[in-house]
Structures are given as C-alpha cells and as structure tokens.
Amino acid sequence: MYTNIKALGTDSSTNPLKKVTIKRRGLLPDDVEMKILYCGICHSDLHQIKNDFGGTHYPVVPGHEIVGKVTAVGANVTKFKVGDHAAVGCIVDSCGECPACARDLEQFCDNGTTLSFNTPDKHLGGMTYGGFSQTYVCRENYMLNMPNFDDMAAAAPLLCAGITVYSPLKHWQAGPGKVVGILGIGGLGHVAIRIAKAMGAHVVVLTTSPEKVEDAQRLGAHEAILTSDAEQMKAHAGKIDLIIDTVSATHDVNAYLKLLAIDGAVVLVGLPVEPISIGAFNVIKGRRSFAGSNIGGIKETQEMLEFCAHHKITADVEIIDADKVNEAFERLEKGDVKYRFVIDMSTLK
C-alpha cells in the first residue's frame, strides 16, 4: 500500500530538478505521517545531486531538514497526534541493536543507518526519497517533536546544520572558560556561532571574507580573525581550545592547528571532496587533535532542538518557492546565500 505524491527530483547529475511523482508507504502501526511545510537546502544535498562522493542513486529527491505538521498516526503511536508540529532530519531508521545504537549514536549504526534520502528503502524497495516533497512518513522513534519556534521556516536548518555543530560542541565540552573558533561563516558556521555562545564559550570567528568579519558581531561572536592577516593569526596562536571547521572546499587545516592550545582540537564537519594533509608536528606539538564529527543521534537532535528553542536560536534564511530550487542550488554553489535557503513546500503544486 502506498500513496503517490509530488516531489522535486532529478534523474542525472547534470539535469536540473523538476517536478516528479514518488511513492510514500502507507502507515504502519508505529508510523507518523506529516505534511511538509518547509525543507532546508543543505550543501550535502548539492553533493548528492552532483554525485560528488559517488553512490548517488537516480532518481534522487533530496532534503533532510524537514519541518511539517502531523496528518496521521499509526495505531501504536503515542508521542505524536494529528496537528502536532514535527520534524525529520538525516536519520529515519537504524538497527536499534548494535553498540552504536545502544549509545543513541544511530548515525554510526554498524548495520547501516537509513537516511531520509538516497539509502535503501526497506519498505517500498528502491531508495528513500527526501523532504523536497509534499509529505513524509517515518517511524515514530525517528521523528522529532518540533518545539514551538516563532519561525518554523528559520528552524528547519537546525535539523542538519544545527545538530552537525551542536554535537561536537557538546562532545568537546564547549562552555564557560573555553575559547571556541568557528572556521567559515556559512549555513553551518553562522548557527555554530550562536550555539557556542549560548553554551557560554568565548567565540572567535575565522574567515577569509572581510565582509563576514563585519557580520560576525551581529551573529554573536566575541572576536573575528581575517585568516589572510598573518599578524592576527600569529596573535591567536596557541589560544583556541576548539575549532569547528565547517569548510567544504579544499583548504589547508595546518594553519588552524597552530592556533590550538594544549589538548585543543580542530573538528571537521564540512565535507571537502579532496583528502586533507596534516603536518605531523602540527599535532605532536601541544598534543593537538584533528578530528571529525557527523550529525548526531535522534536523542541528541531532540536535545539540540529544545536547546535552540530555549535560547531562541534559528538560522538566517531566505525562503523560496519550489520553482526557484534550481536557481537556489546555483547560488549555493557560488556561496551566494546568507545563510540558508528554505523551500516553502506549500508552493509545490
């Protein structure tokens, strides 16, 4: 049993997105169905469309920053009712039994995490389809309760951008007495500034853009470093405890490792296509670390949403109609957005 719905997808890495018809499964006893109100556009959506990392299965319907309103619930559902605001992020299923799942780290599931799009669909066959669509159906335990944000569209990017930076900030214990650097002010970085500040850290922005140095204060940073200025970089050497590296373009992280205090870490959350080289002395000196982090589990994502709602943190967004999606991806590829596109899915007719 399934329902046909409208979506935005493409059948090739070189073709634009267009309106398509996809299938959503009928409700199982522990399923929740929602009408999608808003879906954010993430840089990883662009990577998937372009098949930058290989493994994209076409046709593909992207979108994993999904906010909607519950329209139906299965017979065994207890956490949601019709009319509730709900959300779906990157993860929509996992085995629930492996050591990673036992630790609420479903993103590292040993038996394979089911993502909101472009992973095998165990119910309908084929691949999962994402939030550039009219509806979503998800198991109750993988759907998120959406707090009462004043602006639900601006909260949509938290489902990926928010958890992607919240998880490492929490894991590496950002807070009072810690100096946290945010490398790159884009869709991830501008949210990271706000979350790190709300955690109580002293926030230092690292950017190649003089314009974004000026914007750092508005976003809540305490300081901003223009990374092309050797004197500014030298003045901060050995003084930063944690750097969240949000850059998805090829870049040299060695310059940022030198900014770390003893036991400091640069944590990569961006997705550069090319491998990154690390100079041995840049990590040996000061017992520094170069690490990575990948989104967060369902429990931590719910925690992040509650944290952001409490501190009134959302993304800076530009809301677009569905028929502007290809233009938005072109602008995203050029870095022409401050700082996140969100599709108003009611415009997908």
Protein backbone atom coordinates (compact mmCIF):
# COMPACT_ATOMS: atom_id res chain seq x y z
CA MET A 1 0.00 0.00 0.00
CA TYR A 2 1.34 3.39 -0.94
CA THR A 3 0.38 6.96 -1.91
CA ASN A 4 1.60 8.94 -4.90
CA ILE A 5 2.79 12.45 -4.07
CA LYS A 6 4.55 15.34 -5.78
CA ALA A 7 8.25 15.98 -5.23
CA LEU A 8 11.31 17.72 -6.69
CA GLY A 9 13.96 15.37 -8.04
CA THR A 10 16.43 14.67 -10.80
CA ASP A 11 17.46 11.60 -12.79
CA SER A 12 21.03 12.71 -13.52
CA SER A 13 23.93 14.65 -12.03
CA THR A 14 23.76 17.02 -14.99
CA ASN A 15 20.00 17.62 -15.10
CA PRO A 16 18.11 20.24 -13.08
CA LEU A 17 15.50 19.29 -10.50
CA LYS A 18 11.96 19.04 -11.80
CA LYS A 19 8.54 18.02 -10.51
CA VAL A 20 8.21 14.25 -10.21
CA THR A 21 5.79 11.77 -8.66
CA ILE A 22 7.07 9.45 -5.92
CA LYS A 23 5.59 6.85 -3.59
CA ARG A 24 5.17 7.14 0.18
CA ARG A 25 4.31 3.99 2.12
CA GLY A 26 1.00 3.54 3.84
CA LEU A 27 1.03 3.89 7.62
CA LEU A 28 2.47 1.02 9.65
CA PRO A 29 1.43 0.75 13.33
CA ASP A 30 4.45 2.78 14.56
CA ASP A 31 4.49 5.30 11.70
CA VAL A 32 3.79 9.02 11.67
CA GLU A 33 2.81 10.90 8.51
CA MET A 34 3.29 14.62 8.15
CA LYS A 35 2.54 17.27 5.57
CA ILE A 36 5.82 19.05 4.88
CA LEU A 37 5.71 22.79 5.49
CA TYR A 38 9.37 23.69 4.99
CA CYS A 39 12.55 21.96 3.90
CA GLY A 40 16.02 23.47 4.14
CA ILE A 41 18.63 23.19 1.39
CA CYS A 42 21.96 21.83 2.64
CA HIS A 43 25.34 21.76 0.89
CA SER A 44 25.26 17.96 1.16
CA ASP A 45 22.08 17.99 -0.96
CA LEU A 46 24.18 19.62 -3.67
CA HIS A 47 26.93 17.00 -3.23
CA GLN A 48 24.37 14.21 -3.60
CA ILE A 49 22.73 15.71 -6.67
CA LYS A 50 26.11 16.15 -8.33
CA ASN A 51 27.29 12.68 -7.18
CA ASP A 52 30.45 14.29 -5.78
CA PHE A 53 31.17 11.36 -3.47
CA GLY A 54 29.83 8.60 -5.70
CA GLY A 55 26.95 6.37 -4.66
CA THR A 56 24.05 8.61 -5.65
CA HIS A 57 21.18 6.55 -6.99
CA TYR A 58 18.93 8.26 -9.51
CA PRO A 59 16.27 9.41 -9.50
CA VAL A 60 17.08 11.30 -6.31
CA VAL A 61 14.80 13.53 -4.23
CA PRO A 62 16.95 15.46 -1.74
CA GLY A 63 16.08 17.22 1.51
CA HIS A 64 16.79 16.32 5.14
CA GLU A 65 15.88 19.49 7.07
CA ILE A 66 12.17 18.78 7.17
CA VAL A 67 9.51 20.53 9.26
CA GLY A 68 5.85 19.70 8.98
CA LYS A 69 2.52 19.07 10.65
CA VAL A 70 1.29 15.60 11.58
CA THR A 71 -1.61 14.42 9.42
CA ALA A 72 -1.96 10.77 10.51
CA VAL A 73 -0.53 8.35 13.08
CA GLY A 74 -0.32 4.58 13.28
CA ALA A 75 -2.27 2.54 15.83
CA ASN A 76 0.72 2.16 18.21
CA VAL A 77 1.95 5.76 18.14
CA THR A 78 1.98 7.57 21.50
CA LYS A 79 4.38 10.53 21.07
CA PHE A 80 2.51 12.38 18.32
CA LYS A 81 -1.03 13.35 17.48
CA VAL A 82 -2.64 14.87 14.41
CA GLY A 83 -1.93 18.60 14.26
CA ASP A 84 1.42 18.48 16.08
CA HIS A 85 4.45 20.16 14.56
CA ALA A 86 7.09 17.51 13.86
CA ALA A 87 10.40 17.20 12.07
CA VAL A 88 12.65 14.74 10.27
CA GLY A 89 16.40 15.18 9.98
CA CYS A 90 19.02 12.98 8.37
CA ILE A 91 18.16 9.68 10.09
CA VAL A 92 14.90 7.77 9.62
CA ASP A 93 15.88 4.27 10.77
CA SER A 94 18.68 2.08 12.15
CA CYS A 95 19.06 -1.42 13.53
CA GLY A 96 18.48 -0.32 17.13
CA GLU A 97 20.62 -3.16 18.47
CA CYS A 98 24.31 -2.55 17.69
CA PRO A 99 26.74 -0.86 20.13
CA ALA A 100 26.33 2.49 18.35
CA CYS A 101 22.53 2.38 18.50
CA ALA A 102 22.71 1.31 22.16
CA ARG A 103 24.58 4.57 22.83
CA ASP A 104 21.99 6.66 20.89
CA LEU A 105 24.52 7.13 18.08
CA GLU A 106 22.30 5.92 15.26
CA GLN A 107 24.36 7.90 12.77
CA PHE A 108 27.14 5.32 13.28
CA CYS A 109 24.88 2.24 13.16
CA ASP A 110 27.02 -0.86 12.48
CA ASN A 111 24.32 -2.35 10.27
CA GLY A 112 23.67 0.76 8.22
CA THR A 113 21.73 3.91 9.02
CA THR A 114 18.68 4.58 6.88
CA LEU A 115 18.89 8.21 5.81
CA SER A 116 15.99 10.41 4.83
CA PHE A 117 17.01 10.13 1.19
CA ASN A 118 19.23 8.07 -1.10
CA THR A 119 19.56 4.96 1.05
CA PRO A 120 17.79 1.61 0.56
CA ASP A 121 14.10 1.76 1.42
CA LYS A 122 13.30 -1.44 3.33
CA HIS A 123 9.55 -0.91 2.94
CA LEU A 124 8.96 0.02 -0.70
CA GLY A 125 12.23 -1.11 -2.23
CA GLY A 126 14.40 1.24 -4.22
CA MET A 127 15.83 4.24 -2.36
CA THR A 128 14.40 6.63 0.20
CA TYR A 129 13.14 9.99 -1.02
CA GLY A 130 13.74 13.21 0.91
CA GLY A 131 11.90 16.30 2.01
CA PHE A 132 11.64 18.16 -1.29
CA SER A 133 8.15 16.68 -1.35
CA GLN A 134 4.61 17.09 -0.10
CA THR A 135 4.64 14.51 2.72
CA TYR A 136 6.94 12.29 4.75
CA VAL A 137 6.27 9.00 6.56
CA CYS A 138 8.65 7.94 9.31
CA ARG A 139 8.78 5.59 12.29
CA GLU A 140 7.72 7.34 15.49
CA ASN A 141 11.09 6.80 17.22
CA TYR A 142 12.92 8.61 14.41
CA MET A 143 10.57 11.55 14.06
CA LEU A 144 11.28 14.59 16.20
CA ASN A 145 8.92 16.70 18.27
CA MET A 146 9.26 20.26 16.99
CA PRO A 147 9.33 22.88 19.76
CA ASN A 148 7.25 26.00 19.36
CA PHE A 149 9.69 28.18 17.44
CA ASP A 150 8.38 31.61 16.46
CA ASP A 151 9.63 31.00 12.91
CA MET A 152 9.35 27.36 11.84
CA ALA A 153 10.98 28.05 8.47
CA ALA A 154 14.08 29.51 10.13
CA ALA A 155 14.22 26.49 12.46
CA ALA A 156 14.25 23.95 9.60
CA PRO A 157 18.05 24.12 9.02
CA LEU A 158 18.62 23.08 12.62
CA LEU A 159 17.70 19.52 11.55
CA CYS A 160 21.11 19.24 9.86
CA ALA A 161 23.15 22.41 10.34
CA GLY A 162 22.13 22.69 13.99
CA ILE A 163 22.88 19.13 15.06
CA THR A 164 26.05 18.99 12.94
CA VAL A 165 27.62 21.74 15.06
CA TYR A 166 25.82 21.13 18.36
CA SER A 167 27.10 17.56 18.66
CA PRO A 168 30.86 18.36 18.50
CA LEU A 169 30.44 21.49 20.62
CA LYS A 170 28.86 19.33 23.31
CA HIS A 171 31.27 16.40 22.89
CA TRP A 172 34.36 18.60 23.14
CA GLN A 173 32.78 20.45 26.08
CA ALA A 174 32.39 23.96 24.75
CA GLY A 175 31.32 26.24 27.57
CA PRO A 176 32.45 28.84 30.09
CA GLY A 177 36.23 29.22 30.17
CA LYS A 178 36.67 27.72 26.70
CA VAL A 179 37.70 29.60 23.56
CA VAL A 180 35.87 28.20 20.53
CA GLY A 181 36.81 29.08 16.97
CA ILE A 182 34.29 28.79 14.14
CA LEU A 183 36.00 28.36 10.78
CA GLY A 184 33.79 29.54 7.95
CA ILE A 185 30.56 31.52 8.25
CA GLY A 186 28.02 29.78 6.09
CA GLY A 187 25.00 27.59 6.67
CA LEU A 188 26.79 25.63 9.41
CA GLY A 189 29.10 28.31 10.78
CA HIS A 190 26.55 31.02 11.48
CA VAL A 191 24.47 28.58 13.55
CA ALA A 192 27.61 27.31 15.33
CA ILE A 193 28.41 30.86 16.47
CA ARG A 194 25.01 31.19 18.13
CA ILE A 195 25.05 27.76 19.75
CA ALA A 196 28.63 28.09 21.07
CA LYS A 197 27.83 31.49 22.56
CA ALA A 198 24.66 30.14 24.18
CA MET A 199 26.79 27.37 25.73
CA GLY A 200 28.88 30.09 27.38
CA ALA A 201 32.06 29.86 25.30
CA HIS A 202 34.17 32.77 24.09
CA VAL A 203 33.57 32.64 20.32
CA VAL A 204 36.19 33.56 17.72
CA VAL A 205 35.23 33.60 14.04
CA LEU A 206 37.85 32.58 11.45
CA THR A 207 37.04 33.70 7.93
CA THR A 208 38.63 34.59 4.61
CA SER A 209 35.97 37.25 3.96
CA PRO A 210 36.29 40.86 5.25
CA GLU A 211 32.52 41.17 4.83
CA LYS A 212 31.94 38.25 7.19
CA VAL A 213 34.35 39.71 9.74
CA GLU A 214 31.88 42.59 9.89
CA ASP A 215 28.90 40.21 10.19
CA ALA A 216 30.48 38.19 13.00
CA GLN A 217 29.44 40.63 15.71
CA ARG A 218 25.81 40.62 14.56
CA LEU A 219 25.83 36.84 14.75
CA GLY A 220 27.13 36.97 18.33
CA ALA A 221 30.87 36.31 18.04
CA HIS A 222 33.20 37.96 20.54
CA GLU A 223 36.07 38.26 18.05
CA ALA A 224 36.73 37.75 14.34
CA ILE A 225 40.01 36.91 12.59
CA LEU A 226 40.66 37.56 8.93
CA THR A 227 42.70 34.45 8.20
CA SER A 228 44.71 36.12 5.43
CA ASP A 229 46.12 38.56 8.02
CA ALA A 230 49.32 36.90 9.30
CA GLU A 231 49.55 39.20 12.32
CA GLN A 232 46.02 38.36 13.50
CA MET A 233 46.70 34.66 13.09
CA LYS A 234 50.01 34.90 14.97
CA ALA A 235 48.36 36.80 17.81
CA HIS A 236 45.92 33.92 18.39
CA ALA A 237 48.45 31.07 18.09
CA GLY A 238 48.09 28.59 20.94
CA LYS A 239 44.99 30.28 22.37
CA ILE A 240 41.96 28.45 20.97
CA ASP A 241 40.64 25.29 22.67
CA LEU A 242 38.33 24.03 19.93
CA ILE A 243 37.83 24.91 16.28
CA ILE A 244 34.72 23.76 14.45
CA ASP A 245 35.78 23.53 10.80
CA THR A 246 32.70 23.97 8.61
CA VAL A 247 34.52 24.42 5.29
CA SER A 248 33.51 22.09 2.44
CA ALA A 249 36.05 23.44 -0.07
CA THR A 250 39.62 22.18 -0.22
CA HIS A 251 41.68 24.03 2.42
CA ASP A 252 44.85 23.77 4.49
CA VAL A 253 43.96 22.95 8.10
CA ASN A 254 47.56 23.17 9.32
CA ALA A 255 47.31 26.91 9.81
CA TYR A 256 44.36 26.34 12.15
CA LEU A 257 46.02 23.52 14.08
CA LYS A 258 48.70 26.06 15.04
CA LEU A 259 46.04 28.21 16.71
CA LEU A 260 45.16 25.45 19.19
CA ALA A 261 46.01 25.47 22.86
CA ILE A 262 47.42 22.34 24.51
CA ASP A 263 44.99 19.44 24.04
CA GLY A 264 42.98 21.52 21.59
CA ALA A 265 41.14 20.05 18.62
CA VAL A 266 40.13 21.04 15.12
CA VAL A 267 36.91 19.17 14.36
CA LEU A 268 35.89 18.84 10.72
CA VAL A 269 32.18 18.94 9.98
CA GLY A 270 32.42 20.19 6.39
CA LEU A 271 32.82 17.73 3.54
CA PRO A 272 35.76 18.63 1.28
CA VAL A 273 35.90 16.35 -1.75
CA GLU A 274 39.71 16.14 -1.78
CA PRO A 275 41.78 14.47 1.01
CA ILE A 276 43.30 16.72 3.70
CA SER A 277 47.01 16.59 4.60
CA ILE A 278 48.21 17.05 8.18
CA GLY A 279 51.75 18.02 9.15
CA ALA A 280 52.94 15.69 11.91
CA PHE A 281 54.48 18.45 14.03
CA ASN A 282 51.22 20.38 13.95
CA VAL A 283 49.52 17.68 16.02
CA ILE A 284 52.50 16.40 18.03
CA LYS A 285 53.22 19.84 19.44
CA GLY A 286 50.70 20.59 22.16
CA ARG A 287 49.06 17.15 21.91
CA ARG A 288 46.63 18.65 19.41
CA SER A 289 43.95 16.67 17.59
CA PHE A 290 42.39 16.74 14.17
CA ALA A 291 39.00 15.04 14.39
CA GLY A 292 35.66 14.77 12.67
CA SER A 293 32.01 14.67 13.63
CA ASN A 294 28.90 13.58 11.74
CA ILE A 295 25.45 14.97 12.66
CA GLY A 296 24.09 13.35 15.86
CA GLY A 297 21.68 10.69 17.03
CA ILE A 298 17.92 11.13 17.45
CA LYS A 299 18.09 11.77 21.21
CA GLU A 300 20.80 14.40 20.78
CA THR A 301 18.95 16.02 17.89
CA GLN A 302 15.85 16.38 20.05
CA GLU A 303 18.03 17.85 22.80
CA MET A 304 19.50 20.33 20.32
CA LEU A 305 16.05 21.45 19.19
CA GLU A 306 14.99 22.08 22.79
CA PHE A 307 18.26 23.95 23.49
CA CYS A 308 17.82 26.17 20.43
CA ALA A 309 14.17 26.87 21.20
CA HIS A 310 15.09 27.83 24.78
CA HIS A 311 17.83 30.19 23.58
CA LYS A 312 15.78 31.43 20.60
CA ILE A 313 18.37 30.22 18.10
CA THR A 314 17.40 29.77 14.46
CA ALA A 315 19.15 30.14 11.12
CA ASP A 316 19.24 33.19 8.88
CA VAL A 317 17.15 32.03 5.95
CA GLU A 318 15.93 33.04 2.53
CA ILE A 319 12.59 31.40 1.87
CA ILE A 320 11.99 30.37 -1.73
CA ASP A 321 9.16 28.89 -3.76
CA ALA A 322 9.57 25.37 -5.11
CA ASP A 323 10.03 26.60 -8.68
CA LYS A 324 13.15 28.53 -7.62
CA VAL A 325 15.03 25.46 -6.37
CA ASN A 326 17.48 25.20 -9.27
CA GLU A 327 18.32 28.88 -9.03
CA ALA A 328 18.94 28.37 -5.30
CA PHE A 329 21.35 25.49 -5.95
CA GLU A 330 23.24 27.61 -8.49
CA ARG A 331 23.56 30.40 -5.94
CA LEU A 332 24.55 27.94 -3.20
CA GLU A 333 27.35 26.62 -5.39
CA LYS A 334 28.64 30.19 -5.70
CA GLY A 335 28.26 30.92 -1.99
CA ASP A 336 25.55 33.48 -2.74
CA VAL A 337 23.27 32.99 0.27
CA LYS A 338 23.11 34.38 3.81
CA TYR A 339 22.95 31.84 5.14
CA ARG A 340 20.47 29.10 4.28
CA PHE A 341 17.78 28.54 1.67
CA VAL A 342 14.48 27.05 2.85
CA ILE A 343 11.78 25.87 0.46
CA ASP A 344 8.17 26.73 1.26
CA MET A 345 6.75 23.34 0.31
CA SER A 346 3.19 24.67 0.09
CA THR A 347 4.27 26.14 -3.25
CA LEU A 348 4.83 22.65 -4.73
CA LYS A 349 1.54 22.20 -6.53
